[in-house]
Amino acid sequence: MDSFAYAAEFEPGDARGVIVVSFPDVPEAITQGNGMADAHLQAEEALGLALLSYPARHLPLPKPRAKGKRLSIVAVAPDVAAKLAVIEAFVNAGISKSELARRMQKDEKEIRRILDPKHATKLPALVDALRALGKRLVIGVEAAA
């Protein structure tokens, strides 16, 4: 099961109270926050934006590999995770947008929007797309860091 969570390093910044966040497996994602709570929020957003850029550049998502005591796991926002899951499932299915449109009984223009990493898509449409691709969305809850 894909969770779209990656190890992040939280380090003190140059200014007092600033925390710099970087992701060893996703070098494009780097951000900072004022304090740890803000740094976590900024990290989630930066990670999501960076990961959404991969399909836009026709690149596979990086595999989460980094481990270490100094690293904390950061997951993307749920809507971003669902969008990434649809895009990955579509690519792995090896079908055309027309075929997905047929399976979902939707216009191909709507399928292009669903698969566009820059276009916000409502959760029900993402769930329907995953179902049409033979996948299902599973939501979990865990303690916050």
C-alpha atoms as a PDB file:
ATOM      1  CA  MET A   1       0.000   0.000   0.000  1.00  0.00           C
ATOM      2  CA  ASP A   2       1.361   3.417  -0.975  1.00  0.00           C
ATOM      3  CA  SER A   3       1.258   6.052   1.740  1.00  0.00           C
ATOM      4  CA  PHE A   4       3.255   8.834   0.056  1.00  0.00           C
ATOM      5  CA  ALA A   5       5.254   9.461   3.221  1.00  0.00           C
ATOM      6  CA  TYR A   6       8.943  10.331   3.188  1.00  0.00           C
ATOM      7  CA  ALA A   7      11.706  10.846   5.720  1.00  0.00           C
ATOM      8  CA  ALA A   8      12.512  14.467   6.452  1.00  0.00           C
ATOM      9  CA  GLU A   9      15.333  16.186   8.270  1.00  0.00           C
ATOM     10  CA  PHE A  10      14.385  19.070  10.560  1.00  0.00           C
ATOM     11  CA  GLU A  11      17.331  21.369  11.335  1.00  0.00           C
ATOM     12  CA  PRO A  12      17.693  24.767  12.986  1.00  0.00           C
ATOM     13  CA  GLY A  13      17.817  27.600  10.466  1.00  0.00           C
ATOM     14  CA  ASP A  14      19.998  30.704  10.517  1.00  0.00           C
ATOM     15  CA  ALA A  15      17.340  32.858  12.213  1.00  0.00           C
ATOM     16  CA  ARG A  16      16.136  32.183  15.725  1.00  0.00           C
ATOM     17  CA  GLY A  17      13.160  29.785  15.846  1.00  0.00           C
ATOM     18  CA  VAL A  18      13.363  28.898  12.155  1.00  0.00           C
ATOM     19  CA  ILE A  19      13.381  25.193  11.301  1.00  0.00           C
ATOM     20  CA  VAL A  20      14.618  24.104   7.861  1.00  0.00           C
ATOM     21  CA  VAL A  21      13.129  20.907   6.435  1.00  0.00           C
ATOM     22  CA  SER A  22      14.637  18.805   3.651  1.00  0.00           C
ATOM     23  CA  PHE A  23      13.835  15.389   2.215  1.00  0.00           C
ATOM     24  CA  PRO A  24      16.777  13.144   1.242  1.00  0.00           C
ATOM     25  CA  ASP A  25      14.612  11.156  -1.207  1.00  0.00           C
ATOM     26  CA  VAL A  26      12.877  14.206  -2.698  1.00  0.00           C
ATOM     27  CA  PRO A  27      15.577  16.866  -3.144  1.00  0.00           C
ATOM     28  CA  GLU A  28      13.117  19.319  -4.732  1.00  0.00           C
ATOM     29  CA  ALA A  29      11.214  19.526  -1.434  1.00  0.00           C
ATOM     30  CA  ILE A  30      12.891  21.965   0.898  1.00  0.00           C
ATOM     31  CA  THR A  31      11.148  24.474   3.111  1.00  0.00           C
ATOM     32  CA  GLN A  32      11.231  26.158   6.479  1.00  0.00           C
ATOM     33  CA  GLY A  33       8.853  27.114   9.233  1.00  0.00           C
ATOM     34  CA  ASN A  34       8.724  29.333  12.285  1.00  0.00           C
ATOM     35  CA  GLY A  35       8.840  26.706  15.003  1.00  0.00           C
ATOM     36  CA  MET A  36       8.331  22.975  14.761  1.00  0.00           C
ATOM     37  CA  ALA A  37       4.539  23.012  14.236  1.00  0.00           C
ATOM     38  CA  ASP A  38       4.803  25.432  11.313  1.00  0.00           C
ATOM     39  CA  ALA A  39       7.762  23.494   9.904  1.00  0.00           C
ATOM     40  CA  HIS A  40       5.647  20.310   9.826  1.00  0.00           C
ATOM     41  CA  LEU A  41       2.823  22.096   7.990  1.00  0.00           C
ATOM     42  CA  GLN A  42       5.242  23.639   5.498  1.00  0.00           C
ATOM     43  CA  ALA A  43       6.965  20.263   5.019  1.00  0.00           C
ATOM     44  CA  GLU A  44       3.688  18.531   4.157  1.00  0.00           C
ATOM     45  CA  GLU A  45       2.891  21.185   1.571  1.00  0.00           C
ATOM     46  CA  ALA A  46       6.405  21.268   0.071  1.00  0.00           C
ATOM     47  CA  LEU A  47       6.486  17.486  -0.192  1.00  0.00           C
ATOM     48  CA  GLY A  48       3.103  17.412  -1.919  1.00  0.00           C
ATOM     49  CA  LEU A  49       4.063  20.087  -4.434  1.00  0.00           C
ATOM     50  CA  ALA A  50       7.372  18.397  -5.185  1.00  0.00           C
ATOM     51  CA  LEU A  51       5.786  14.960  -5.674  1.00  0.00           C
ATOM     52  CA  LEU A  52       3.079  16.383  -7.939  1.00  0.00           C
ATOM     53  CA  SER A  53       5.834  17.803 -10.130  1.00  0.00           C
ATOM     54  CA  TYR A  54       7.139  14.305 -10.919  1.00  0.00           C
ATOM     55  CA  PRO A  55       4.209  13.168 -13.103  1.00  0.00           C
ATOM     56  CA  ALA A  56       4.126  16.617 -14.714  1.00  0.00           C
ATOM     57  CA  ARG A  57       7.772  16.021 -15.730  1.00  0.00           C
ATOM     58  CA  HIS A  58       7.008  12.420 -16.766  1.00  0.00           C
ATOM     59  CA  LEU A  59       9.200  11.029 -13.978  1.00  0.00           C
ATOM     60  CA  PRO A  60       8.390   8.154 -11.617  1.00  0.00           C
ATOM     61  CA  LEU A  61       7.883   9.041  -7.972  1.00  0.00           C
ATOM     62  CA  PRO A  62      10.997   8.501  -5.884  1.00  0.00           C
ATOM     63  CA  LYS A  63      11.041   5.474  -3.605  1.00  0.00           C
ATOM     64  CA  PRO A  64      11.148   6.313   0.109  1.00  0.00           C
ATOM     65  CA  ARG A  65      14.514   4.875   1.183  1.00  0.00           C
ATOM     66  CA  ALA A  66      16.106   7.265   3.677  1.00  0.00           C
ATOM     67  CA  LYS A  67      16.295   6.052   7.271  1.00  0.00           C
ATOM     68  CA  GLY A  68      17.946   7.355  10.372  1.00  0.00           C
ATOM     69  CA  LYS A  69      17.436   8.521  13.910  1.00  0.00           C
ATOM     70  CA  ARG A  70      17.557  12.182  12.893  1.00  0.00           C
ATOM     71  CA  LEU A  71      14.770  11.769  10.328  1.00  0.00           C
ATOM     72  CA  SER A  72      11.017  12.133  10.839  1.00  0.00           C
ATOM     73  CA  ILE A  73       8.328  10.785   8.525  1.00  0.00           C
ATOM     74  CA  VAL A  74       6.148  13.351   6.763  1.00  0.00           C
ATOM     75  CA  ALA A  75       3.111  12.352   4.706  1.00  0.00           C
ATOM     76  CA  VAL A  76       1.479  14.459   2.012  1.00  0.00           C
ATOM     77  CA  ALA A  77      -2.025  15.846   2.550  1.00  0.00           C
ATOM     78  CA  PRO A  78      -4.803  13.287   1.923  1.00  0.00           C
ATOM     79  CA  ASP A  79      -6.063  14.997  -1.240  1.00  0.00           C
ATOM     80  CA  VAL A  80      -2.547  15.003  -2.692  1.00  0.00           C
ATOM     81  CA  ALA A  81      -2.062  11.338  -1.763  1.00  0.00           C
ATOM     82  CA  ALA A  82      -5.304  10.422  -3.541  1.00  0.00           C
ATOM     83  CA  LYS A  83      -4.293  12.389  -6.651  1.00  0.00           C
ATOM     84  CA  LEU A  84      -0.851  10.739  -6.718  1.00  0.00           C
ATOM     85  CA  ALA A  85      -2.462   7.318  -6.257  1.00  0.00           C
ATOM     86  CA  VAL A  86      -4.726   7.882  -9.267  1.00  0.00           C
ATOM     87  CA  ILE A  87      -1.875   9.077 -11.464  1.00  0.00           C
ATOM     88  CA  GLU A  88       0.336   6.130 -10.472  1.00  0.00           C
ATOM     89  CA  ALA A  89      -2.486   3.607 -10.958  1.00  0.00           C
ATOM     90  CA  PHE A  90      -3.244   5.065 -14.381  1.00  0.00           C
ATOM     91  CA  VAL A  91       0.401   4.891 -15.497  1.00  0.00           C
ATOM     92  CA  ASN A  92       0.760   1.336 -14.173  1.00  0.00           C
ATOM     93  CA  ALA A  93      -2.478   0.238 -15.881  1.00  0.00           C
ATOM     94  CA  GLY A  94      -0.988   1.083 -19.277  1.00  0.00           C
ATOM     95  CA  ILE A  95      -4.327   2.232 -20.673  1.00  0.00           C
ATOM     96  CA  SER A  96      -5.289   5.340 -22.584  1.00  0.00           C
ATOM     97  CA  LYS A  97      -7.236   8.286 -21.246  1.00  0.00           C
ATOM     98  CA  SER A  98     -10.018   7.277 -23.634  1.00  0.00           C
ATOM     99  CA  GLU A  99     -10.155   3.833 -22.052  1.00  0.00           C
ATOM    100  CA  LEU A 100     -10.321   5.310 -18.548  1.00  0.00           C
ATOM    101  CA  ALA A 101     -13.082   7.663 -19.728  1.00  0.00           C
ATOM    102  CA  ARG A 102     -14.989   4.669 -21.089  1.00  0.00           C
ATOM    103  CA  ARG A 103     -14.568   2.747 -17.826  1.00  0.00           C
ATOM    104  CA  MET A 104     -15.734   5.719 -15.773  1.00  0.00           C
ATOM    105  CA  GLN A 105     -18.454   6.713 -18.258  1.00  0.00           C
ATOM    106  CA  LYS A 106     -17.033  10.243 -18.343  1.00  0.00           C
ATOM    107  CA  ASP A 107     -15.930  12.648 -21.034  1.00  0.00           C
ATOM    108  CA  GLU A 108     -12.215  12.437 -21.842  1.00  0.00           C
ATOM    109  CA  LYS A 109     -11.819  16.134 -20.928  1.00  0.00           C
ATOM    110  CA  GLU A 110     -12.830  15.278 -17.374  1.00  0.00           C
ATOM    111  CA  ILE A 111     -10.301  12.432 -17.301  1.00  0.00           C
ATOM    112  CA  ARG A 112      -7.556  14.837 -18.412  1.00  0.00           C
ATOM    113  CA  ARG A 113      -8.443  17.097 -15.478  1.00  0.00           C
ATOM    114  CA  ILE A 114      -8.458  14.166 -13.046  1.00  0.00           C
ATOM    115  CA  LEU A 115      -4.985  13.135 -14.251  1.00  0.00           C
ATOM    116  CA  ASP A 116      -3.597  16.687 -14.305  1.00  0.00           C
ATOM    117  CA  PRO A 117      -1.307  17.113 -11.250  1.00  0.00           C
ATOM    118  CA  LYS A 118      -2.008  20.867 -11.237  1.00  0.00           C
ATOM    119  CA  HIS A 119      -5.795  20.514 -11.241  1.00  0.00           C
ATOM    120  CA  ALA A 120      -7.610  20.129  -7.912  1.00  0.00           C
ATOM    121  CA  THR A 121      -9.963  17.152  -8.054  1.00  0.00           C
ATOM    122  CA  LYS A 122     -12.687  16.295  -5.561  1.00  0.00           C
ATOM    123  CA  LEU A 123     -12.253  13.107  -3.576  1.00  0.00           C
ATOM    124  CA  PRO A 124     -15.298  11.258  -5.021  1.00  0.00           C
ATOM    125  CA  ALA A 125     -13.891  11.621  -8.555  1.00  0.00           C
ATOM    126  CA  LEU A 126     -10.505  10.296  -7.392  1.00  0.00           C
ATOM    127  CA  VAL A 127     -12.179   7.349  -5.641  1.00  0.00           C
ATOM    128  CA  ASP A 128     -14.161   6.566  -8.809  1.00  0.00           C
ATOM    129  CA  ALA A 129     -10.999   6.749 -10.920  1.00  0.00           C
ATOM    130  CA  LEU A 130      -9.154   4.387  -8.587  1.00  0.00           C
ATOM    131  CA  ARG A 131     -12.073   1.964  -8.686  1.00  0.00           C
ATOM    132  CA  ALA A 132     -12.054   2.060 -12.497  1.00  0.00           C
ATOM    133  CA  LEU A 133      -8.324   1.248 -12.336  1.00  0.00           C
ATOM    134  CA  GLY A 134      -8.855  -1.736 -10.051  1.00  0.00           C
ATOM    135  CA  LYS A 135      -7.693   0.039  -6.897  1.00  0.00           C
ATOM    136  CA  ARG A 136      -9.353   1.367  -3.773  1.00  0.00           C
ATOM    137  CA  LEU A 137      -8.578   4.250  -1.491  1.00  0.00           C
ATOM    138  CA  VAL A 138      -7.868   3.264   2.109  1.00  0.00           C
ATOM    139  CA  ILE A 139      -7.805   5.958   4.769  1.00  0.00           C
ATOM    140  CA  GLY A 140      -5.970   5.502   8.052  1.00  0.00           C
ATOM    141  CA  VAL A 141      -5.417   7.531  11.168  1.00  0.00           C
ATOM    142  CA  GLU A 142      -2.275   7.586  13.294  1.00  0.00           C
ATOM    143  CA  ALA A 143      -0.857   9.725  16.051  1.00  0.00           C
ATOM    144  CA  ALA A 144       0.603  13.029  14.891  1.00  0.00           C
ATOM    145  CA  ALA A 145       4.354  13.539  15.182  1.00  0.00           C
END
